[in-house]
């Protein structure tokens, strides 16, 4: 999704905060599975599993409470928008 940047008024990417945590959760599960089958570093696998569970809880929290991150590639701006602003933006996109 794109949105207009506050600084330079060009198109910027909008990233859901819960989506970031969900990706980190999946990456942690993948790392845990890979490390589980490597004999020397298999002791680290439970750490990744715990981290994945924490990221899953954070995902649920951000789904209902968090907003989104706006990232502009042109002026390198990065800022957060509230959950209300993000929901309003999604409604406007659906209408068009």
PDB file of N, CA and C in Angstrom:
ATOM      1  N   UNK A   1       0.845  -1.184   0.000  1.00  0.00           N
ATOM      2  CA  UNK A   1       0.000   0.000   0.000  1.00  0.00           C
ATOM      3  C   UNK A   1       0.883   1.237   0.000  1.00  0.00           C
ATOM      4  N   UNK A   2       0.371   2.298  -0.551  1.00  0.00           N
ATOM      5  CA  UNK A   2       1.111   3.556  -0.553  1.00  0.00           C
ATOM      6  C   UNK A   2       0.262   4.656   0.070  1.00  0.00           C
ATOM      7  N   UNK A   3       0.943   5.666   0.562  1.00  0.00           N
ATOM      8  CA  UNK A   3       0.317   6.818   1.194  1.00  0.00           C
ATOM      9  C   UNK A   3       1.204   8.016   0.872  1.00  0.00           C
ATOM     10  N   UNK A   4       0.685   9.202   0.977  1.00  0.00           N
ATOM     11  CA  UNK A   4       1.483  10.407   0.730  1.00  0.00           C
ATOM     12  C   UNK A   4       2.338  10.727   1.953  1.00  0.00           C
ATOM     13  N   UNK A   5       3.612  10.972   1.706  1.00  0.00           N
ATOM     14  CA  UNK A   5       4.549  11.328   2.773  1.00  0.00           C
ATOM     15  C   UNK A   5       4.226  12.717   3.318  1.00  0.00           C
ATOM     16  N   UNK A   6       4.372  12.879   4.641  1.00  0.00           N
ATOM     17  CA  UNK A   6       4.111  14.186   5.258  1.00  0.00           C
ATOM     18  C   UNK A   6       5.143  15.222   4.849  1.00  0.00           C
ATOM     19  N   UNK A   7       6.386  14.800   4.667  1.00  0.00           N
ATOM     20  CA  UNK A   7       7.464  15.743   4.365  1.00  0.00           C
ATOM     21  C   UNK A   7       7.505  16.165   2.902  1.00  0.00           C
ATOM     22  N   UNK A   8       7.627  15.190   2.005  1.00  0.00           N
ATOM     23  CA  UNK A   8       7.877  15.538   0.600  1.00  0.00           C
ATOM     24  C   UNK A   8       6.663  15.332  -0.300  1.00  0.00           C
ATOM     25  N   UNK A   9       5.571  14.821   0.242  1.00  0.00           N
ATOM     26  CA  UNK A   9       4.307  14.618  -0.487  1.00  0.00           C
ATOM     27  C   UNK A   9       4.418  13.610  -1.637  1.00  0.00           C
ATOM     28  N   UNK A  10       5.451  12.782  -1.626  1.00  0.00           N
ATOM     29  CA  UNK A  10       5.547  11.731  -2.639  1.00  0.00           C
ATOM     30  C   UNK A  10       4.956  10.439  -2.059  1.00  0.00           C
ATOM     31  N   UNK A  11       4.854   9.420  -2.887  1.00  0.00           N
ATOM     32  CA  UNK A  11       4.299   8.145  -2.429  1.00  0.00           C
ATOM     33  C   UNK A  11       5.264   7.456  -1.475  1.00  0.00           C
ATOM     34  N   UNK A  12       4.722   6.958  -0.373  1.00  0.00           N
ATOM     35  CA  UNK A  12       5.509   6.236   0.613  1.00  0.00           C
ATOM     36  C   UNK A  12       4.830   4.906   0.899  1.00  0.00           C
ATOM     37  N   UNK A  13       5.611   3.934   1.350  1.00  0.00           N
ATOM     38  CA  UNK A  13       5.068   2.624   1.688  1.00  0.00           C
ATOM     39  C   UNK A  13       4.460   2.669   3.076  1.00  0.00           C
ATOM     40  N   UNK A  14       3.376   1.938   3.253  1.00  0.00           N
ATOM     41  CA  UNK A  14       2.760   1.812   4.565  1.00  0.00           C
ATOM     42  C   UNK A  14       2.823   0.345   4.966  1.00  0.00           C
ATOM     43  N   UNK A  15       3.354   0.098   6.150  1.00  0.00           N
ATOM     44  CA  UNK A  15       3.580  -1.256   6.630  1.00  0.00           C
ATOM     45  C   UNK A  15       2.844  -1.428   7.949  1.00  0.00           C
ATOM     46  N   UNK A  16       2.022  -2.439   8.032  1.00  0.00           N
ATOM     47  CA  UNK A  16       1.290  -2.736   9.258  1.00  0.00           C
ATOM     48  C   UNK A  16       2.268  -3.185  10.335  1.00  0.00           C
ATOM     49  N   UNK A  17       2.096  -2.685  11.551  1.00  0.00           N
ATOM     50  CA  UNK A  17       2.983  -3.067  12.646  1.00  0.00           C
ATOM     51  C   UNK A  17       2.824  -4.541  12.993  1.00  0.00           C
ATOM     52  N   UNK A  18       1.609  -5.045  12.952  1.00  0.00           N
ATOM     53  CA  UNK A  18       1.399  -6.460  13.275  1.00  0.00           C
ATOM     54  C   UNK A  18       2.016  -7.359  12.209  1.00  0.00           C
ATOM     55  N   UNK A  19       2.058  -6.894  10.978  1.00  0.00           N
ATOM     56  CA  UNK A  19       2.653  -7.679   9.900  1.00  0.00           C
ATOM     57  C   UNK A  19       4.156  -7.872  10.131  1.00  0.00           C
ATOM     58  N   UNK A  20       4.822  -6.852  10.646  1.00  0.00           N
ATOM     59  CA  UNK A  20       6.250  -6.971  10.944  1.00  0.00           C
ATOM     60  C   UNK A  20       6.508  -8.026  12.013  1.00  0.00           C
ATOM     61  N   UNK A  21       5.694  -8.010  13.078  1.00  0.00           N
ATOM     62  CA  UNK A  21       5.865  -8.982  14.148  1.00  0.00           C
ATOM     63  C   UNK A  21       5.539 -10.396  13.661  1.00  0.00           C
ATOM     64  N   UNK A  22       4.557 -10.522  12.785  1.00  0.00           N
ATOM     65  CA  UNK A  22       4.204 -11.826  12.249  1.00  0.00           C
ATOM     66  C   UNK A  22       5.364 -12.403  11.431  1.00  0.00           C
ATOM     67  N   UNK A  23       6.004 -11.569  10.623  1.00  0.00           N
ATOM     68  CA  UNK A  23       7.158 -12.023   9.844  1.00  0.00           C
ATOM     69  C   UNK A  23       8.294 -12.466  10.757  1.00  0.00           C
ATOM     70  N   UNK A  24       8.554 -11.702  11.821  1.00  0.00           N
ATOM     71  CA  UNK A  24       9.612 -12.079  12.754  1.00  0.00           C
ATOM     72  C   UNK A  24       9.285 -13.401  13.440  1.00  0.00           C
ATOM     73  N   UNK A  25       8.018 -13.636  13.730  1.00  0.00           N
ATOM     74  CA  UNK A  25       7.588 -14.894  14.335  1.00  0.00           C
ATOM     75  C   UNK A  25       7.868 -16.062  13.391  1.00  0.00           C
ATOM     76  N   UNK A  26       7.498 -15.902  12.131  1.00  0.00           N
ATOM     77  CA  UNK A  26       7.740 -16.965  11.157  1.00  0.00           C
ATOM     78  C   UNK A  26       9.227 -17.227  10.949  1.00  0.00           C
ATOM     79  N   UNK A  27      10.021 -16.173  10.877  1.00  0.00           N
ATOM     80  CA  UNK A  27      11.466 -16.333  10.719  1.00  0.00           C
ATOM     81  C   UNK A  27      12.073 -17.058  11.921  1.00  0.00           C
ATOM     82  N   UNK A  28      11.573 -16.773  13.113  1.00  0.00           N
ATOM     83  CA  UNK A  28      12.083 -17.439  14.313  1.00  0.00           C
ATOM     84  C   UNK A  28      11.751 -18.919  14.307  1.00  0.00           C
ATOM     85  N   UNK A  29      10.554 -19.265  13.847  1.00  0.00           N
ATOM     86  CA  UNK A  29      10.181 -20.676  13.759  1.00  0.00           C
ATOM     87  C   UNK A  29      11.065 -21.397  12.745  1.00  0.00           C
ATOM     88  N   UNK A  30      11.311 -20.759  11.615  1.00  0.00           N
ATOM     89  CA  UNK A  30      12.172 -21.357  10.599  1.00  0.00           C
ATOM     90  C   UNK A  30      13.583 -21.566  11.152  1.00  0.00           C
ATOM     91  N   UNK A  31      14.113 -20.566  11.849  1.00  0.00           N
ATOM     92  CA  UNK A  31      15.453 -20.704  12.447  1.00  0.00           C
ATOM     93  C   UNK A  31      15.477 -21.816  13.491  1.00  0.00           C
ATOM     94  N   UNK A  32      14.433 -21.924  14.294  1.00  0.00           N
ATOM     95  CA  UNK A  32      14.383 -22.977  15.315  1.00  0.00           C
ATOM     96  C   UNK A  32      14.398 -24.357  14.671  1.00  0.00           C
ATOM     97  N   UNK A  33      13.642 -24.524  13.603  1.00  0.00           N
ATOM     98  CA  UNK A  33      13.602 -25.823  12.921  1.00  0.00           C
ATOM     99  C   UNK A  33      14.957 -26.147  12.297  1.00  0.00           C
ATOM    100  N   UNK A  34      15.572 -25.171  11.670  1.00  0.00           N
ATOM    101  CA  UNK A  34      16.888 -25.402  11.058  1.00  0.00           C
ATOM    102  C   UNK A  34      17.933 -25.720  12.123  1.00  0.00           C
ATOM    103  N   UNK A  35      17.966 -24.942  13.193  1.00  0.00           N
ATOM    104  CA  UNK A  35      18.963 -25.158  14.243  1.00  0.00           C
ATOM    105  C   UNK A  35      18.732 -26.469  14.994  1.00  0.00           C
ATOM    106  N   UNK A  36      17.503 -26.951  15.018  1.00  0.00           N
ATOM    107  CA  UNK A  36      17.192 -28.193  15.715  1.00  0.00           C
ATOM    108  C   UNK A  36      17.922 -29.383  15.099  1.00  0.00           C
ATOM    109  N   UNK A  37      18.165 -29.335  13.793  1.00  0.00           N
ATOM    110  CA  UNK A  37      18.796 -30.449  13.100  1.00  0.00           C
ATOM    111  C   UNK A  37      20.305 -30.299  12.946  1.00  0.00           C
ATOM    112  N   UNK A  38      20.878 -29.241  13.466  1.00  0.00           N
ATOM    113  CA  UNK A  38      22.327 -29.061  13.443  1.00  0.00           C
ATOM    114  C   UNK A  38      22.847 -29.409  14.839  1.00  0.00           C
ATOM    115  N   UNK A  39      23.602 -30.481  14.971  1.00  0.00           N
ATOM    116  CA  UNK A  39      23.978 -30.990  16.296  1.00  0.00           C
ATOM    117  C   UNK A  39      24.711 -29.997  17.197  1.00  0.00           C
ATOM    118  N   UNK A  40      25.593 -29.215  16.653  1.00  0.00           N
ATOM    119  CA  UNK A  40      26.417 -28.337  17.485  1.00  0.00           C
ATOM    120  C   UNK A  40      25.601 -27.189  18.082  1.00  0.00           C
ATOM    121  N   UNK A  41      24.667 -26.651  17.321  1.00  0.00           N
ATOM    122  CA  UNK A  41      23.922 -25.481  17.796  1.00  0.00           C
ATOM    123  C   UNK A  41      22.441 -25.770  18.058  1.00  0.00           C
ATOM    124  N   UNK A  42      22.107 -27.035  18.271  1.00  0.00           N
ATOM    125  CA  UNK A  42      20.698 -27.380  18.527  1.00  0.00           C
ATOM    126  C   UNK A  42      20.219 -26.866  19.888  1.00  0.00           C
ATOM    127  N   UNK A  43      21.130 -26.536  20.787  1.00  0.00           N
ATOM    128  CA  UNK A  43      20.740 -26.011  22.098  1.00  0.00           C
ATOM    129  C   UNK A  43      20.142 -24.606  21.978  1.00  0.00           C
ATOM    130  N   UNK A  44      20.388 -23.923  20.878  1.00  0.00           N
ATOM    131  CA  UNK A  44      19.865 -22.572  20.680  1.00  0.00           C
ATOM    132  C   UNK A  44      18.420 -22.601  20.176  1.00  0.00           C
ATOM    133  N   UNK A  45      17.965 -23.702  19.633  1.00  0.00           N
ATOM    134  CA  UNK A  45      16.623 -23.803  19.043  1.00  0.00           C
ATOM    135  C   UNK A  45      15.505 -23.413  20.010  1.00  0.00           C
ATOM    136  N   UNK A  46      15.541 -23.831  21.294  1.00  0.00           N
ATOM    137  CA  UNK A  46      14.466 -23.407  22.201  1.00  0.00           C
ATOM    138  C   UNK A  46      14.379 -21.892  22.396  1.00  0.00           C
ATOM    139  N   UNK A  47      15.508 -21.219  22.279  1.00  0.00           N
ATOM    140  CA  UNK A  47      15.495 -19.756  22.393  1.00  0.00           C
ATOM    141  C   UNK A  47      14.671 -19.156  21.256  1.00  0.00           C
ATOM    142  N   UNK A  48      14.825 -19.684  20.063  1.00  0.00           N
ATOM    143  CA  UNK A  48      14.064 -19.190  18.925  1.00  0.00           C
ATOM    144  C   UNK A  48      12.579 -19.528  19.057  1.00  0.00           C
ATOM    145  N   UNK A  49      12.271 -20.658  19.650  1.00  0.00           N
ATOM    146  CA  UNK A  49      10.869 -21.016  19.857  1.00  0.00           C
ATOM    147  C   UNK A  49      10.219 -20.053  20.850  1.00  0.00           C
ATOM    148  N   UNK A  50      10.913 -19.749  21.933  1.00  0.00           N
ATOM    149  CA  UNK A  50      10.395 -18.781  22.908  1.00  0.00           C
ATOM    150  C   UNK A  50      10.228 -17.419  22.252  1.00  0.00           C
ATOM    151  N   UNK A  51      11.211 -17.023  21.459  1.00  0.00           N
ATOM    152  CA  UNK A  51      11.125 -15.747  20.753  1.00  0.00           C
ATOM    153  C   UNK A  51       9.932 -15.726  19.797  1.00  0.00           C
ATOM    154  N   UNK A  52       9.665 -16.843  19.122  1.00  0.00           N
ATOM    155  CA  UNK A  52       8.524 -16.938  18.206  1.00  0.00           C
ATOM    156  C   UNK A  52       7.198 -16.794  18.957  1.00  0.00           C
ATOM    157  N   UNK A  53       7.114 -17.403  20.129  1.00  0.00           N
ATOM    158  CA  UNK A  53       5.888 -17.275  20.931  1.00  0.00           C
ATOM    159  C   UNK A  53       5.693 -15.829  21.369  1.00  0.00           C
ATOM    160  N   UNK A  54       6.769 -15.173  21.790  1.00  0.00           N
ATOM    161  CA  UNK A  54       6.669 -13.762  22.183  1.00  0.00           C
ATOM    162  C   UNK A  54       6.236 -12.883  21.007  1.00  0.00           C
ATOM    163  N   UNK A  55       6.765 -13.153  19.844  1.00  0.00           N
ATOM    164  CA  UNK A  55       6.385 -12.387  18.652  1.00  0.00           C
ATOM    165  C   UNK A  55       4.931 -12.653  18.268  1.00  0.00           C
ATOM    166  N   UNK A  56       4.449 -13.866  18.484  1.00  0.00           N
ATOM    167  CA  UNK A  56       3.045 -14.170  18.200  1.00  0.00           C
ATOM    168  C   UNK A  56       2.129 -13.393  19.139  1.00  0.00           C
ATOM    169  N   UNK A  57       2.505 -13.297  20.405  1.00  0.00           N
ATOM    170  CA  UNK A  57       1.721 -12.507  21.362  1.00  0.00           C
ATOM    171  C   UNK A  57       1.770 -11.030  20.981  1.00  0.00           C
ATOM    172  N   UNK A  58       2.947 -10.559  20.591  1.00  0.00           N
ATOM    173  CA  UNK A  58       3.077  -9.161  20.167  1.00  0.00           C
ATOM    174  C   UNK A  58       2.252  -8.892  18.908  1.00  0.00           C
ATOM    175  N   UNK A  59       2.178  -9.877  18.023  1.00  0.00           N
ATOM    176  CA  UNK A  59       1.367  -9.735  16.811  1.00  0.00           C
ATOM    177  C   UNK A  59      -0.095  -9.527  17.161  1.00  0.00           C
ATOM    178  N   UNK A  60      -0.605 -10.330  18.079  1.00  0.00           N
ATOM    179  CA  UNK A  60      -2.006 -10.190  18.491  1.00  0.00           C
ATOM    180  C   UNK A  60      -2.257  -8.836  19.141  1.00  0.00           C
ATOM    181  N   UNK A  61      -1.321  -8.404  19.975  1.00  0.00           N
ATOM    182  CA  UNK A  61      -1.456  -7.100  20.624  1.00  0.00           C
ATOM    183  C   UNK A  61      -1.467  -5.977  19.593  1.00  0.00           C
ATOM    184  N   UNK A  62      -0.538  -6.020  18.648  1.00  0.00           N
ATOM    185  CA  UNK A  62      -0.444  -4.958  17.650  1.00  0.00           C
ATOM    186  C   UNK A  62      -1.607  -4.986  16.672  1.00  0.00           C
ATOM    187  N   UNK A  63      -2.215  -6.135  16.490  1.00  0.00           N
ATOM    188  CA  UNK A  63      -3.359  -6.242  15.587  1.00  0.00           C
ATOM    189  C   UNK A  63      -4.518  -5.390  16.097  1.00  0.00           C
ATOM    190  N   UNK A  64      -4.685  -5.362  17.410  1.00  0.00           N
ATOM    191  CA  UNK A  64      -5.800  -4.618  17.990  1.00  0.00           C
ATOM    192  C   UNK A  64      -5.409  -3.250  18.530  1.00  0.00           C
ATOM    193  N   UNK A  65      -4.140  -3.034  18.804  1.00  0.00           N
ATOM    194  CA  UNK A  65      -3.714  -1.794  19.450  1.00  0.00           C
ATOM    195  C   UNK A  65      -2.793  -0.940  18.585  1.00  0.00           C
ATOM    196  N   UNK A  66      -1.949  -1.579  17.807  1.00  0.00           N
ATOM    197  CA  UNK A  66      -0.907  -0.868  17.062  1.00  0.00           C
ATOM    198  C   UNK A  66      -1.424  -0.212  15.803  1.00  0.00           C
ATOM    199  N   UNK A  67      -0.605   0.582  15.213  1.00  0.00           N
ATOM    200  CA  UNK A  67      -0.942   1.280  13.984  1.00  0.00           C
ATOM    201  C   UNK A  67      -0.123   0.761  12.828  1.00  0.00           C
ATOM    202  N   UNK A  68       0.560   1.666  12.159  1.00  0.00           N
ATOM    203  CA  UNK A  68       1.367   1.290  11.013  1.00  0.00           C
ATOM    204  C   UNK A  68       2.593   2.193  10.935  1.00  0.00           C
ATOM    205  N   UNK A  69       3.533   1.783  10.108  1.00  0.00           N
ATOM    206  CA  UNK A  69       4.757   2.545   9.889  1.00  0.00           C
ATOM    207  C   UNK A  69       4.750   3.030   8.451  1.00  0.00           C
ATOM    208  N   UNK A  70       4.996   4.326   8.259  1.00  0.00           N
ATOM    209  CA  UNK A  70       5.089   4.908   6.928  1.00  0.00           C
ATOM    210  C   UNK A  70       6.568   5.113   6.631  1.00  0.00           C
ATOM    211  N   UNK A  71       7.002   4.618   5.477  1.00  0.00           N
ATOM    212  CA  UNK A  71       8.407   4.717   5.103  1.00  0.00           C
ATOM    213  C   UNK A  71       8.513   5.289   3.698  1.00  0.00           C
ATOM    214  N   UNK A  72       9.165   6.454   3.589  1.00  0.00           N
ATOM    215  CA  UNK A  72       9.336   7.128   2.306  1.00  0.00           C
ATOM    216  C   UNK A  72      10.739   6.852   1.779  1.00  0.00           C
ATOM    217  N   UNK A  73      10.809   6.347   0.555  1.00  0.00           N
ATOM    218  CA  UNK A  73      12.114   6.062  -0.045  1.00  0.00           C
ATOM    219  C   UNK A  73      12.784   7.315  -0.601  1.00  0.00           C
ATOM    220  N   UNK A  74      11.993   8.318  -0.931  1.00  0.00           N
ATOM    221  CA  UNK A  74      12.544   9.529  -1.540  1.00  0.00           C
ATOM    222  C   UNK A  74      13.285  10.396  -0.528  1.00  0.00           C
ATOM    223  N   UNK A  75      12.641  10.692   0.604  1.00  0.00           N
ATOM    224  CA  UNK A  75      13.283  11.573   1.598  1.00  0.00           C
ATOM    225  C   UNK A  75      13.755  10.815   2.842  1.00  0.00           C
ATOM    226  N   UNK A  76      13.651   9.482   2.826  1.00  0.00           N
ATOM    227  CA  UNK A  76      14.078   8.618   3.928  1.00  0.00           C
ATOM    228  C   UNK A  76      13.345   8.893   5.233  1.00  0.00           C
ATOM    229  N   UNK A  77      12.133   9.413   5.149  1.00  0.00           N
ATOM    230  CA  UNK A  77      11.331   9.639   6.346  1.00  0.00           C
ATOM    231  C   UNK A  77      10.738   8.312   6.802  1.00  0.00           C
ATOM    232  N   UNK A  78      10.605   8.159   8.104  1.00  0.00           N
ATOM    233  CA  UNK A  78       9.992   6.973   8.691  1.00  0.00           C
ATOM    234  C   UNK A  78       9.261   7.420   9.948  1.00  0.00           C
ATOM    235  N   UNK A  79       7.948   7.237   9.954  1.00  0.00           N
ATOM    236  CA  UNK A  79       7.163   7.655  11.108  1.00  0.00           C
ATOM    237  C   UNK A  79       5.972   6.728  11.293  1.00  0.00           C
ATOM    238  N   UNK A  80       5.409   6.766  12.491  1.00  0.00           N
ATOM    239  CA  UNK A  80       4.281   5.907  12.823  1.00  0.00           C
ATOM    240  C   UNK A  80       2.973   6.682  12.668  1.00  0.00           C
ATOM    241  N   UNK A  81       1.929   5.962  12.304  1.00  0.00           N
ATOM    242  CA  UNK A  81       0.593   6.532  12.311  1.00  0.00           C
ATOM    243  C   UNK A  81      -0.263   5.688  13.248  1.00  0.00           C
ATOM    244  N   UNK A  82      -1.293   6.293  13.782  1.00  0.00           N
ATOM    245  CA  UNK A  82      -2.112   5.615  14.780  1.00  0.00           C
ATOM    246  C   UNK A  82      -3.000   4.554  14.140  1.00  0.00           C
ATOM    247  N   UNK A  83      -3.567   3.717  14.977  1.00  0.00           N
ATOM    248  CA  UNK A  83      -4.473   2.668  14.512  1.00  0.00           C
ATOM    249  C   UNK A  83      -5.688   3.290  13.831  1.00  0.00           C
ATOM    250  N   UNK A  84      -6.188   4.384  14.376  1.00  0.00           N
ATOM    251  CA  UNK A  84      -7.352   5.055  13.792  1.00  0.00           C
ATOM    252  C   UNK A  84      -7.027   5.572  12.385  1.00  0.00           C
ATOM    253  N   UNK A  85      -5.890   6.240  12.229  1.00  0.00           N
ATOM    254  CA  UNK A  85      -5.489   6.755  10.915  1.00  0.00           C
ATOM    255  C   UNK A  85      -5.281   5.627   9.910  1.00  0.00           C
ATOM    256  N   UNK A  86      -4.701   4.532  10.370  1.00  0.00           N
ATOM    257  CA  UNK A  86      -4.466   3.383   9.496  1.00  0.00           C
ATOM    258  C   UNK A  86      -5.794   2.764   9.051  1.00  0.00           C
ATOM    259  N   UNK A  87      -6.751   2.630   9.980  1.00  0.00           N
ATOM    260  CA  UNK A  87      -8.065   2.084   9.626  1.00  0.00           C
ATOM    261  C   UNK A  87      -8.813   3.004   8.669  1.00  0.00           C
ATOM    262  N   UNK A  88      -8.717   4.316   8.871  1.00  0.00           N
ATOM    263  CA  UNK A  88      -9.357   5.269   7.970  1.00  0.00           C
ATOM    264  C   UNK A  88      -8.742   5.180   6.571  1.00  0.00           C
ATOM    265  N   UNK A  89      -7.438   5.028   6.524  1.00  0.00           N
ATOM    266  CA  UNK A  89      -6.765   4.913   5.234  1.00  0.00           C
ATOM    267  C   UNK A  89      -7.226   3.652   4.502  1.00  0.00           C
ATOM    268  N   UNK A  90      -7.344   2.533   5.233  1.00  0.00           N
ATOM    269  CA  UNK A  90      -7.800   1.288   4.605  1.00  0.00           C
ATOM    270  C   UNK A  90      -9.240   1.422   4.106  1.00  0.00           C
ATOM    271  N   UNK A  91     -10.094   2.139   4.853  1.00  0.00           N
ATOM    272  CA  UNK A  91     -11.481   2.346   4.417  1.00  0.00           C
ATOM    273  C   UNK A  91     -11.523   3.153   3.128  1.00  0.00           C
ATOM    274  N   UNK A  92     -10.689   4.189   3.035  1.00  0.00           N
ATOM    275  CA  UNK A  92     -10.656   5.013   1.838  1.00  0.00           C
ATOM    276  C   UNK A  92     -10.164   4.226   0.621  1.00  0.00           C
ATOM    277  N   UNK A  93      -9.221   3.339   0.842  1.00  0.00           N
ATOM    278  CA  UNK A  93      -8.705   2.493  -0.241  1.00  0.00           C
ATOM    279  C   UNK A  93      -9.809   1.549  -0.736  1.00  0.00           C
ATOM    280  N   UNK A  94     -10.576   0.989   0.184  1.00  0.00           N
ATOM    281  CA  UNK A  94     -11.641   0.058  -0.184  1.00  0.00           C
ATOM    282  C   UNK A  94     -12.762   0.756  -0.956  1.00  0.00           C
ATOM    283  N   UNK A  95     -13.026   2.017  -0.631  1.00  0.00           N
ATOM    284  CA  UNK A  95     -14.063   2.767  -1.326  1.00  0.00           C
ATOM    285  C   UNK A  95     -13.684   3.035  -2.777  1.00  0.00           C
ATOM    286  N   UNK A  96     -12.404   3.308  -3.015  1.00  0.00           N
ATOM    287  CA  UNK A  96     -11.928   3.630  -4.366  1.00  0.00           C
ATOM    288  C   UNK A  96     -11.676   2.378  -5.088  1.00  0.00           C
TER     289      UNK A  96
END
